[in-house]
């Protein structure tokens, strides 16, 4: 690991590494259509294994307790697209 990468991947001082409690569903056109038809709010995260910015966003924003709670609300559908796997719909976002 390069020295600079630890800035993004290390938890802030005094904080343990947080666990993702969100029930992420795979990003798909059907999942989007189903959520919209049910009047649910959508949150779409497009990420990649090699994306340092994605990792920083995950650890500094998505894993915060308030964000985890908001994304776990019953009227929210959390979808995740993985650019590492080159799924066609991920390229749209």
PDB file of N, CA and C in Angstrom:
ATOM      1  N   UNK A   1       0.850  -1.166   0.000  1.00  0.00           N
ATOM      2  CA  UNK A   1       0.000   0.000   0.000  1.00  0.00           C
ATOM      3  C   UNK A   1       0.899   1.233   0.000  1.00  0.00           C
ATOM      4  N   UNK A   2       0.552   2.223  -0.775  1.00  0.00           N
ATOM      5  CA  UNK A   2       1.345   3.443  -0.826  1.00  0.00           C
ATOM      6  C   UNK A   2       1.055   4.300   0.403  1.00  0.00           C
ATOM      7  N   UNK A   3       2.007   5.151   0.809  1.00  0.00           N
ATOM      8  CA  UNK A   3       1.822   5.954   2.020  1.00  0.00           C
ATOM      9  C   UNK A   3       0.570   6.833   1.984  1.00  0.00           C
ATOM     10  N   UNK A   4       0.255   7.425   0.877  1.00  0.00           N
ATOM     11  CA  UNK A   4      -0.900   8.310   0.787  1.00  0.00           C
ATOM     12  C   UNK A   4      -2.223   7.598   0.912  1.00  0.00           C
ATOM     13  N   UNK A   5      -2.270   6.318   0.542  1.00  0.00           N
ATOM     14  CA  UNK A   5      -3.540   5.596   0.595  1.00  0.00           C
ATOM     15  C   UNK A   5      -4.039   5.405   2.020  1.00  0.00           C
ATOM     16  N   UNK A   6      -3.136   5.409   2.990  1.00  0.00           N
ATOM     17  CA  UNK A   6      -3.565   5.228   4.379  1.00  0.00           C
ATOM     18  C   UNK A   6      -4.377   6.417   4.865  1.00  0.00           C
ATOM     19  N   UNK A   7      -4.214   7.581   4.240  1.00  0.00           N
ATOM     20  CA  UNK A   7      -5.015   8.742   4.616  1.00  0.00           C
ATOM     21  C   UNK A   7      -6.486   8.500   4.359  1.00  0.00           C
ATOM     22  N   UNK A   8      -6.799   7.790   3.302  1.00  0.00           N
ATOM     23  CA  UNK A   8      -8.175   7.558   2.922  1.00  0.00           C
ATOM     24  C   UNK A   8      -8.763   6.303   3.565  1.00  0.00           C
ATOM     25  N   UNK A   9      -7.941   5.345   3.870  1.00  0.00           N
ATOM     26  CA  UNK A   9      -8.441   4.053   4.315  1.00  0.00           C
ATOM     27  C   UNK A   9      -8.406   3.865   5.821  1.00  0.00           C
ATOM     28  N   UNK A  10      -7.783   4.779   6.552  1.00  0.00           N
ATOM     29  CA  UNK A  10      -7.715   4.654   8.002  1.00  0.00           C
ATOM     30  C   UNK A  10      -8.878   5.404   8.641  1.00  0.00           C
ATOM     31  N   UNK A  11      -9.487   4.816   9.671  1.00  0.00           N
ATOM     32  CA  UNK A  11     -10.558   5.532  10.362  1.00  0.00           C
ATOM     33  C   UNK A  11      -9.981   6.731  11.100  1.00  0.00           C
ATOM     34  N   UNK A  12     -10.792   7.782  11.316  1.00  0.00           N
ATOM     35  CA  UNK A  12     -10.311   8.938  12.075  1.00  0.00           C
ATOM     36  C   UNK A  12      -9.845   8.512  13.464  1.00  0.00           C
ATOM     37  N   UNK A  13      -8.954   9.313  14.075  1.00  0.00           N
ATOM     38  CA  UNK A  13      -8.413   8.989  15.400  1.00  0.00           C
ATOM     39  C   UNK A  13      -9.527   8.675  16.385  1.00  0.00           C
ATOM     40  N   UNK A  14      -9.334   7.589  17.147  1.00  0.00           N
ATOM     41  CA  UNK A  14     -10.266   7.228  18.184  1.00  0.00           C
ATOM     42  C   UNK A  14     -11.523   6.511  17.698  1.00  0.00           C
ATOM     43  N   UNK A  15     -11.627   6.252  16.420  1.00  0.00           N
ATOM     44  CA  UNK A  15     -12.819   5.576  15.906  1.00  0.00           C
ATOM     45  C   UNK A  15     -12.439   4.205  15.362  1.00  0.00           C
ATOM     46  N   UNK A  16     -13.232   3.230  15.738  1.00  0.00           N
ATOM     47  CA  UNK A  16     -13.025   1.883  15.213  1.00  0.00           C
ATOM     48  C   UNK A  16     -13.573   1.826  13.789  1.00  0.00           C
ATOM     49  N   UNK A  17     -13.090   0.883  13.033  1.00  0.00           N
ATOM     50  CA  UNK A  17     -13.604   0.680  11.686  1.00  0.00           C
ATOM     51  C   UNK A  17     -15.080   0.318  11.775  1.00  0.00           C
ATOM     52  N   UNK A  18     -15.910   1.013  11.035  1.00  0.00           N
ATOM     53  CA  UNK A  18     -17.356   0.836  11.121  1.00  0.00           C
ATOM     54  C   UNK A  18     -17.828  -0.253  10.173  1.00  0.00           C
ATOM     55  N   UNK A  19     -18.921  -0.899  10.573  1.00  0.00           N
ATOM     56  CA  UNK A  19     -19.516  -1.962   9.781  1.00  0.00           C
ATOM     57  C   UNK A  19     -20.680  -1.388   8.983  1.00  0.00           C
ATOM     58  N   UNK A  20     -20.813  -1.800   7.735  1.00  0.00           N
ATOM     59  CA  UNK A  20     -21.904  -1.367   6.865  1.00  0.00           C
ATOM     60  C   UNK A  20     -23.154  -2.165   7.213  1.00  0.00           C
ATOM     61  N   UNK A  21     -24.196  -1.467   7.696  1.00  0.00           N
ATOM     62  CA  UNK A  21     -25.443  -2.112   8.110  1.00  0.00           C
ATOM     63  C   UNK A  21     -26.546  -1.967   7.055  1.00  0.00           C
ATOM     64  N   UNK A  22     -26.250  -1.310   5.953  1.00  0.00           N
ATOM     65  CA  UNK A  22     -27.258  -1.061   4.918  1.00  0.00           C
ATOM     66  C   UNK A  22     -27.495  -2.337   4.119  1.00  0.00           C
ATOM     67  N   UNK A  23     -28.729  -2.592   3.794  1.00  0.00           N
ATOM     68  CA  UNK A  23     -29.093  -3.752   2.979  1.00  0.00           C
ATOM     69  C   UNK A  23     -28.983  -3.356   1.497  1.00  0.00           C
ATOM     70  N   UNK A  24     -27.767  -3.332   0.999  1.00  0.00           N
ATOM     71  CA  UNK A  24     -27.521  -2.932  -0.389  1.00  0.00           C
ATOM     72  C   UNK A  24     -28.090  -3.980  -1.343  1.00  0.00           C
ATOM     73  N   UNK A  25     -28.758  -3.507  -2.383  1.00  0.00           N
ATOM     74  CA  UNK A  25     -29.272  -4.363  -3.443  1.00  0.00           C
ATOM     75  C   UNK A  25     -28.451  -4.087  -4.701  1.00  0.00           C
ATOM     76  N   UNK A  26     -28.315  -5.054  -5.573  1.00  0.00           N
ATOM     77  CA  UNK A  26     -27.568  -4.812  -6.811  1.00  0.00           C
ATOM     78  C   UNK A  26     -28.290  -3.774  -7.688  1.00  0.00           C
ATOM     79  N   UNK A  27     -27.522  -2.900  -8.273  1.00  0.00           N
ATOM     80  CA  UNK A  27     -28.068  -1.891  -9.178  1.00  0.00           C
ATOM     81  C   UNK A  27     -28.586  -2.573 -10.436  1.00  0.00           C
ATOM     82  N   UNK A  28     -29.863  -2.332 -10.730  1.00  0.00           N
ATOM     83  CA  UNK A  28     -30.455  -2.879 -11.952  1.00  0.00           C
ATOM     84  C   UNK A  28     -31.622  -1.982 -12.351  1.00  0.00           C
ATOM     85  N   UNK A  29     -31.965  -2.040 -13.625  1.00  0.00           N
ATOM     86  CA  UNK A  29     -33.117  -1.269 -14.099  1.00  0.00           C
ATOM     87  C   UNK A  29     -34.385  -1.727 -13.392  1.00  0.00           C
ATOM     88  N   UNK A  30     -34.520  -3.032 -13.153  1.00  0.00           N
ATOM     89  CA  UNK A  30     -35.705  -3.563 -12.480  1.00  0.00           C
ATOM     90  C   UNK A  30     -35.804  -3.033 -11.045  1.00  0.00           C
ATOM     91  N   UNK A  31     -34.691  -2.990 -10.340  1.00  0.00           N
ATOM     92  CA  UNK A  31     -34.699  -2.495  -8.958  1.00  0.00           C
ATOM     93  C   UNK A  31     -35.097  -1.017  -8.920  1.00  0.00           C
ATOM     94  N   UNK A  32     -34.629  -0.244  -9.878  1.00  0.00           N
ATOM     95  CA  UNK A  32     -34.999   1.171  -9.950  1.00  0.00           C
ATOM     96  C   UNK A  32     -36.494   1.301 -10.227  1.00  0.00           C
ATOM     97  N   UNK A  33     -36.976   0.561 -11.204  1.00  0.00           N
ATOM     98  CA  UNK A  33     -38.403   0.603 -11.555  1.00  0.00           C
ATOM     99  C   UNK A  33     -39.281   0.186 -10.380  1.00  0.00           C
ATOM    100  N   UNK A  34     -38.893  -0.884  -9.689  1.00  0.00           N
ATOM    101  CA  UNK A  34     -39.665  -1.370  -8.544  1.00  0.00           C
ATOM    102  C   UNK A  34     -39.718  -0.327  -7.428  1.00  0.00           C
ATOM    103  N   UNK A  35     -38.594   0.293  -7.138  1.00  0.00           N
ATOM    104  CA  UNK A  35     -38.547   1.303  -6.077  1.00  0.00           C
ATOM    105  C   UNK A  35     -39.417   2.506  -6.431  1.00  0.00           C
ATOM    106  N   UNK A  36     -39.316   2.959  -7.660  1.00  0.00           N
ATOM    107  CA  UNK A  36     -40.113   4.115  -8.083  1.00  0.00           C
ATOM    108  C   UNK A  36     -41.605   3.787  -8.091  1.00  0.00           C
ATOM    109  N   UNK A  37     -41.950   2.587  -8.517  1.00  0.00           N
ATOM    110  CA  UNK A  37     -43.357   2.170  -8.542  1.00  0.00           C
ATOM    111  C   UNK A  37     -43.926   2.079  -7.124  1.00  0.00           C
ATOM    112  N   UNK A  38     -43.073   1.833  -6.143  1.00  0.00           N
ATOM    113  CA  UNK A  38     -43.504   1.724  -4.745  1.00  0.00           C
ATOM    114  C   UNK A  38     -43.352   3.050  -3.997  1.00  0.00           C
ATOM    115  N   UNK A  39     -43.050   4.121  -4.736  1.00  0.00           N
ATOM    116  CA  UNK A  39     -42.853   5.451  -4.137  1.00  0.00           C
ATOM    117  C   UNK A  39     -41.766   5.465  -3.067  1.00  0.00           C
ATOM    118  N   UNK A  40     -40.720   4.696  -3.296  1.00  0.00           N
ATOM    119  CA  UNK A  40     -39.595   4.664  -2.363  1.00  0.00           C
ATOM    120  C   UNK A  40     -38.512   5.623  -2.854  1.00  0.00           C
ATOM    121  N   UNK A  41     -37.731   6.100  -1.912  1.00  0.00           N
ATOM    122  CA  UNK A  41     -36.590   6.942  -2.255  1.00  0.00           C
ATOM    123  C   UNK A  41     -35.423   6.045  -2.644  1.00  0.00           C
ATOM    124  N   UNK A  42     -34.658   6.489  -3.630  1.00  0.00           N
ATOM    125  CA  UNK A  42     -33.509   5.717  -4.120  1.00  0.00           C
ATOM    126  C   UNK A  42     -32.207   6.379  -3.704  1.00  0.00           C
ATOM    127  N   UNK A  43     -31.262   5.554  -3.313  1.00  0.00           N
ATOM    128  CA  UNK A  43     -29.891   6.000  -3.140  1.00  0.00           C
ATOM    129  C   UNK A  43     -29.037   5.036  -3.941  1.00  0.00           C
ATOM    130  N   UNK A  44     -28.272   5.577  -4.875  1.00  0.00           N
ATOM    131  CA  UNK A  44     -27.449   4.733  -5.745  1.00  0.00           C
ATOM    132  C   UNK A  44     -25.982   5.042  -5.495  1.00  0.00           C
ATOM    133  N   UNK A  45     -25.234   4.019  -5.168  1.00  0.00           N
ATOM    134  CA  UNK A  45     -23.795   4.125  -4.969  1.00  0.00           C
ATOM    135  C   UNK A  45     -23.117   3.310  -6.060  1.00  0.00           C
ATOM    136  N   UNK A  46     -22.323   3.986  -6.868  1.00  0.00           N
ATOM    137  CA  UNK A  46     -21.541   3.294  -7.897  1.00  0.00           C
ATOM    138  C   UNK A  46     -20.094   3.339  -7.427  1.00  0.00           C
ATOM    139  N   UNK A  47     -19.492   2.179  -7.300  1.00  0.00           N
ATOM    140  CA  UNK A  47     -18.172   2.075  -6.694  1.00  0.00           C
ATOM    141  C   UNK A  47     -17.284   1.145  -7.512  1.00  0.00           C
ATOM    142  N   UNK A  48     -16.057   0.984  -7.080  1.00  0.00           N
ATOM    143  CA  UNK A  48     -15.116   0.050  -7.715  1.00  0.00           C
ATOM    144  C   UNK A  48     -14.039  -0.314  -6.699  1.00  0.00           C
ATOM    145  N   UNK A  49     -13.538  -1.519  -6.793  1.00  0.00           N
ATOM    146  CA  UNK A  49     -12.490  -1.980  -5.888  1.00  0.00           C
ATOM    147  C   UNK A  49     -11.235  -1.112  -5.961  1.00  0.00           C
ATOM    148  N   UNK A  50     -10.931  -0.589  -7.129  1.00  0.00           N
ATOM    149  CA  UNK A  50      -9.702   0.161  -7.353  1.00  0.00           C
ATOM    150  C   UNK A  50      -9.878   1.673  -7.173  1.00  0.00           C
ATOM    151  N   UNK A  51     -11.072   2.133  -6.817  1.00  0.00           N
ATOM    152  CA  UNK A  51     -11.384   3.568  -6.753  1.00  0.00           C
ATOM    153  C   UNK A  51     -11.089   4.133  -5.360  1.00  0.00           C
ATOM    154  N   UNK A  52     -10.005   4.899  -5.246  1.00  0.00           N
ATOM    155  CA  UNK A  52      -9.612   5.476  -3.968  1.00  0.00           C
ATOM    156  C   UNK A  52     -10.655   6.491  -3.496  1.00  0.00           C
ATOM    157  N   UNK A  53     -11.205   7.268  -4.409  1.00  0.00           N
ATOM    158  CA  UNK A  53     -12.247   8.237  -4.047  1.00  0.00           C
ATOM    159  C   UNK A  53     -13.467   7.515  -3.489  1.00  0.00           C
ATOM    160  N   UNK A  54     -13.827   6.379  -4.084  1.00  0.00           N
ATOM    161  CA  UNK A  54     -14.965   5.587  -3.598  1.00  0.00           C
ATOM    162  C   UNK A  54     -14.706   5.089  -2.179  1.00  0.00           C
ATOM    163  N   UNK A  55     -13.488   4.643  -1.916  1.00  0.00           N
ATOM    164  CA  UNK A  55     -13.131   4.163  -0.579  1.00  0.00           C
ATOM    165  C   UNK A  55     -13.218   5.299   0.435  1.00  0.00           C
ATOM    166  N   UNK A  56     -12.716   6.468   0.061  1.00  0.00           N
ATOM    167  CA  UNK A  56     -12.781   7.625   0.957  1.00  0.00           C
ATOM    168  C   UNK A  56     -14.231   7.998   1.238  1.00  0.00           C
ATOM    169  N   UNK A  57     -15.070   7.986   0.218  1.00  0.00           N
ATOM    170  CA  UNK A  57     -16.486   8.291   0.394  1.00  0.00           C
ATOM    171  C   UNK A  57     -17.145   7.263   1.319  1.00  0.00           C
ATOM    172  N   UNK A  58     -16.802   6.007   1.134  1.00  0.00           N
ATOM    173  CA  UNK A  58     -17.385   4.950   1.968  1.00  0.00           C
ATOM    174  C   UNK A  58     -17.029   5.170   3.438  1.00  0.00           C
ATOM    175  N   UNK A  59     -15.747   5.331   3.738  1.00  0.00           N
ATOM    176  CA  UNK A  59     -15.306   5.421   5.123  1.00  0.00           C
ATOM    177  C   UNK A  59     -15.614   6.764   5.773  1.00  0.00           C
ATOM    178  N   UNK A  60     -15.631   7.833   5.002  1.00  0.00           N
ATOM    179  CA  UNK A  60     -15.848   9.161   5.576  1.00  0.00           C
ATOM    180  C   UNK A  60     -17.302   9.618   5.556  1.00  0.00           C
ATOM    181  N   UNK A  61     -18.139   8.984   4.719  1.00  0.00           N
ATOM    182  CA  UNK A  61     -19.533   9.408   4.608  1.00  0.00           C
ATOM    183  C   UNK A  61     -20.491   8.234   4.791  1.00  0.00           C
ATOM    184  N   UNK A  62     -20.419   7.242   3.904  1.00  0.00           N
ATOM    185  CA  UNK A  62     -21.428   6.185   3.891  1.00  0.00           C
ATOM    186  C   UNK A  62     -21.459   5.355   5.165  1.00  0.00           C
ATOM    187  N   UNK A  63     -20.363   5.233   5.877  1.00  0.00           N
ATOM    188  CA  UNK A  63     -20.336   4.429   7.095  1.00  0.00           C
ATOM    189  C   UNK A  63     -20.625   5.232   8.366  1.00  0.00           C
ATOM    190  N   UNK A  64     -20.913   6.531   8.209  1.00  0.00           N
ATOM    191  CA  UNK A  64     -21.306   7.330   9.385  1.00  0.00           C
ATOM    192  C   UNK A  64     -22.636   6.816   9.912  1.00  0.00           C
ATOM    193  N   UNK A  65     -22.803   6.841  11.219  1.00  0.00           N
ATOM    194  CA  UNK A  65     -24.026   6.325  11.841  1.00  0.00           C
ATOM    195  C   UNK A  65     -25.282   7.009  11.320  1.00  0.00           C
ATOM    196  N   UNK A  66     -25.248   8.337  11.156  1.00  0.00           N
ATOM    197  CA  UNK A  66     -26.442   9.038  10.695  1.00  0.00           C
ATOM    198  C   UNK A  66     -26.790   8.671   9.254  1.00  0.00           C
ATOM    199  N   UNK A  67     -25.782   8.461   8.428  1.00  0.00           N
ATOM    200  CA  UNK A  67     -26.015   8.067   7.035  1.00  0.00           C
ATOM    201  C   UNK A  67     -26.507   6.626   6.984  1.00  0.00           C
ATOM    202  N   UNK A  68     -25.906   5.752   7.778  1.00  0.00           N
ATOM    203  CA  UNK A  68     -26.351   4.358   7.842  1.00  0.00           C
ATOM    204  C   UNK A  68     -27.821   4.280   8.268  1.00  0.00           C
ATOM    205  N   UNK A  69     -28.199   5.075   9.256  1.00  0.00           N
ATOM    206  CA  UNK A  69     -29.594   5.094   9.716  1.00  0.00           C
ATOM    207  C   UNK A  69     -30.524   5.583   8.619  1.00  0.00           C
ATOM    208  N   UNK A  70     -30.140   6.652   7.944  1.00  0.00           N
ATOM    209  CA  UNK A  70     -30.982   7.210   6.874  1.00  0.00           C
ATOM    210  C   UNK A  70     -31.148   6.212   5.731  1.00  0.00           C
ATOM    211  N   UNK A  71     -30.067   5.526   5.358  1.00  0.00           N
ATOM    212  CA  UNK A  71     -30.134   4.571   4.247  1.00  0.00           C
ATOM    213  C   UNK A  71     -30.858   3.279   4.632  1.00  0.00           C
ATOM    214  N   UNK A  72     -31.074   3.073   5.916  1.00  0.00           N
ATOM    215  CA  UNK A  72     -31.771   1.874   6.381  1.00  0.00           C
ATOM    216  C   UNK A  72     -33.253   2.115   6.656  1.00  0.00           C
ATOM    217  N   UNK A  73     -33.720   3.321   6.394  1.00  0.00           N
ATOM    218  CA  UNK A  73     -35.140   3.629   6.586  1.00  0.00           C
ATOM    219  C   UNK A  73     -35.985   2.746   5.668  1.00  0.00           C
ATOM    220  N   UNK A  74     -37.206   2.389   6.097  1.00  0.00           N
ATOM    221  CA  UNK A  74     -38.031   1.488   5.280  1.00  0.00           C
ATOM    222  C   UNK A  74     -38.453   2.059   3.930  1.00  0.00           C
ATOM    223  N   UNK A  75     -38.434   3.394   3.786  1.00  0.00           N
ATOM    224  CA  UNK A  75     -38.846   3.981   2.504  1.00  0.00           C
ATOM    225  C   UNK A  75     -37.660   4.286   1.587  1.00  0.00           C
ATOM    226  N   UNK A  76     -36.491   3.740   1.925  1.00  0.00           N
ATOM    227  CA  UNK A  76     -35.285   3.959   1.119  1.00  0.00           C
ATOM    228  C   UNK A  76     -34.818   2.632   0.527  1.00  0.00           C
ATOM    229  N   UNK A  77     -34.504   2.653  -0.755  1.00  0.00           N
ATOM    230  CA  UNK A  77     -33.892   1.502  -1.421  1.00  0.00           C
ATOM    231  C   UNK A  77     -32.461   1.909  -1.771  1.00  0.00           C
ATOM    232  N   UNK A  78     -31.506   1.195  -1.220  1.00  0.00           N
ATOM    233  CA  UNK A  78     -30.097   1.468  -1.458  1.00  0.00           C
ATOM    234  C   UNK A  78     -29.581   0.483  -2.505  1.00  0.00           C
ATOM    235  N   UNK A  79     -29.140   1.027  -3.628  1.00  0.00           N
ATOM    236  CA  UNK A  79     -28.630   0.197  -4.727  1.00  0.00           C
ATOM    237  C   UNK A  79     -27.145   0.456  -4.902  1.00  0.00           C
ATOM    238  N   UNK A  80     -26.413  -0.593  -5.204  1.00  0.00           N
ATOM    239  CA  UNK A  80     -24.971  -0.448  -5.412  1.00  0.00           C
ATOM    240  C   UNK A  80     -24.581  -1.057  -6.752  1.00  0.00           C
ATOM    241  N   UNK A  81     -23.911  -0.250  -7.553  1.00  0.00           N
ATOM    242  CA  UNK A  81     -23.327  -0.710  -8.808  1.00  0.00           C
ATOM    243  C   UNK A  81     -21.832  -0.829  -8.635  1.00  0.00           C
ATOM    244  N   UNK A  82     -21.251  -1.874  -9.143  1.00  0.00           N
ATOM    245  CA  UNK A  82     -19.817  -2.113  -8.975  1.00  0.00           C
ATOM    246  C   UNK A  82     -19.123  -2.017 -10.325  1.00  0.00           C
ATOM    247  N   UNK A  83     -18.423  -0.930 -10.532  1.00  0.00           N
ATOM    248  CA  UNK A  83     -17.714  -0.685 -11.777  1.00  0.00           C
ATOM    249  C   UNK A  83     -16.601  -1.713 -11.988  1.00  0.00           C
ATOM    250  N   UNK A  84     -16.109  -2.326 -10.907  1.00  0.00           N
ATOM    251  CA  UNK A  84     -15.058  -3.343 -11.019  1.00  0.00           C
ATOM    252  C   UNK A  84     -15.532  -4.529 -11.840  1.00  0.00           C
ATOM    253  N   UNK A  85     -16.827  -4.784 -11.787  1.00  0.00           N
ATOM    254  CA  UNK A  85     -17.380  -5.934 -12.488  1.00  0.00           C
ATOM    255  C   UNK A  85     -17.914  -5.561 -13.873  1.00  0.00           C
ATOM    256  N   UNK A  86     -17.803  -4.284 -14.218  1.00  0.00           N
ATOM    257  CA  UNK A  86     -18.174  -3.793 -15.559  1.00  0.00           C
ATOM    258  C   UNK A  86     -19.593  -4.178 -15.968  1.00  0.00           C
ATOM    259  N   UNK A  87     -20.521  -4.011 -15.037  1.00  0.00           N
ATOM    260  CA  UNK A  87     -21.917  -4.262 -15.366  1.00  0.00           C
ATOM    261  C   UNK A  87     -22.418  -3.085 -16.191  1.00  0.00           C
ATOM    262  N   UNK A  88     -23.148  -3.301 -17.249  1.00  0.00           N
ATOM    263  CA  UNK A  88     -23.552  -2.231 -18.162  1.00  0.00           C
ATOM    264  C   UNK A  88     -24.267  -1.051 -17.501  1.00  0.00           C
ATOM    265  N   UNK A  89     -25.173  -1.289 -16.562  1.00  0.00           N
ATOM    266  CA  UNK A  89     -25.920  -0.195 -15.961  1.00  0.00           C
ATOM    267  C   UNK A  89     -25.026   0.721 -15.134  1.00  0.00           C
ATOM    268  N   UNK A  90     -23.964   0.185 -14.536  1.00  0.00           N
ATOM    269  CA  UNK A  90     -23.051   1.008 -13.754  1.00  0.00           C
ATOM    270  C   UNK A  90     -22.410   2.092 -14.609  1.00  0.00           C
ATOM    271  N   UNK A  91     -22.225   1.833 -15.874  1.00  0.00           N
ATOM    272  CA  UNK A  91     -21.587   2.797 -16.763  1.00  0.00           C
ATOM    273  C   UNK A  91     -22.461   4.014 -17.017  1.00  0.00           C
ATOM    274  N   UNK A  92     -23.763   3.871 -16.840  1.00  0.00           N
ATOM    275  CA  UNK A  92     -24.678   4.983 -17.057  1.00  0.00           C
ATOM    276  C   UNK A  92     -24.489   6.051 -15.994  1.00  0.00           C
ATOM    277  N   UNK A  93     -24.143   5.633 -14.787  1.00  0.00           N
ATOM    278  CA  UNK A  93     -23.986   6.568 -13.684  1.00  0.00           C
ATOM    279  C   UNK A  93     -22.565   7.001 -13.613  1.00  0.00           C
TER     280      UNK A  93
END
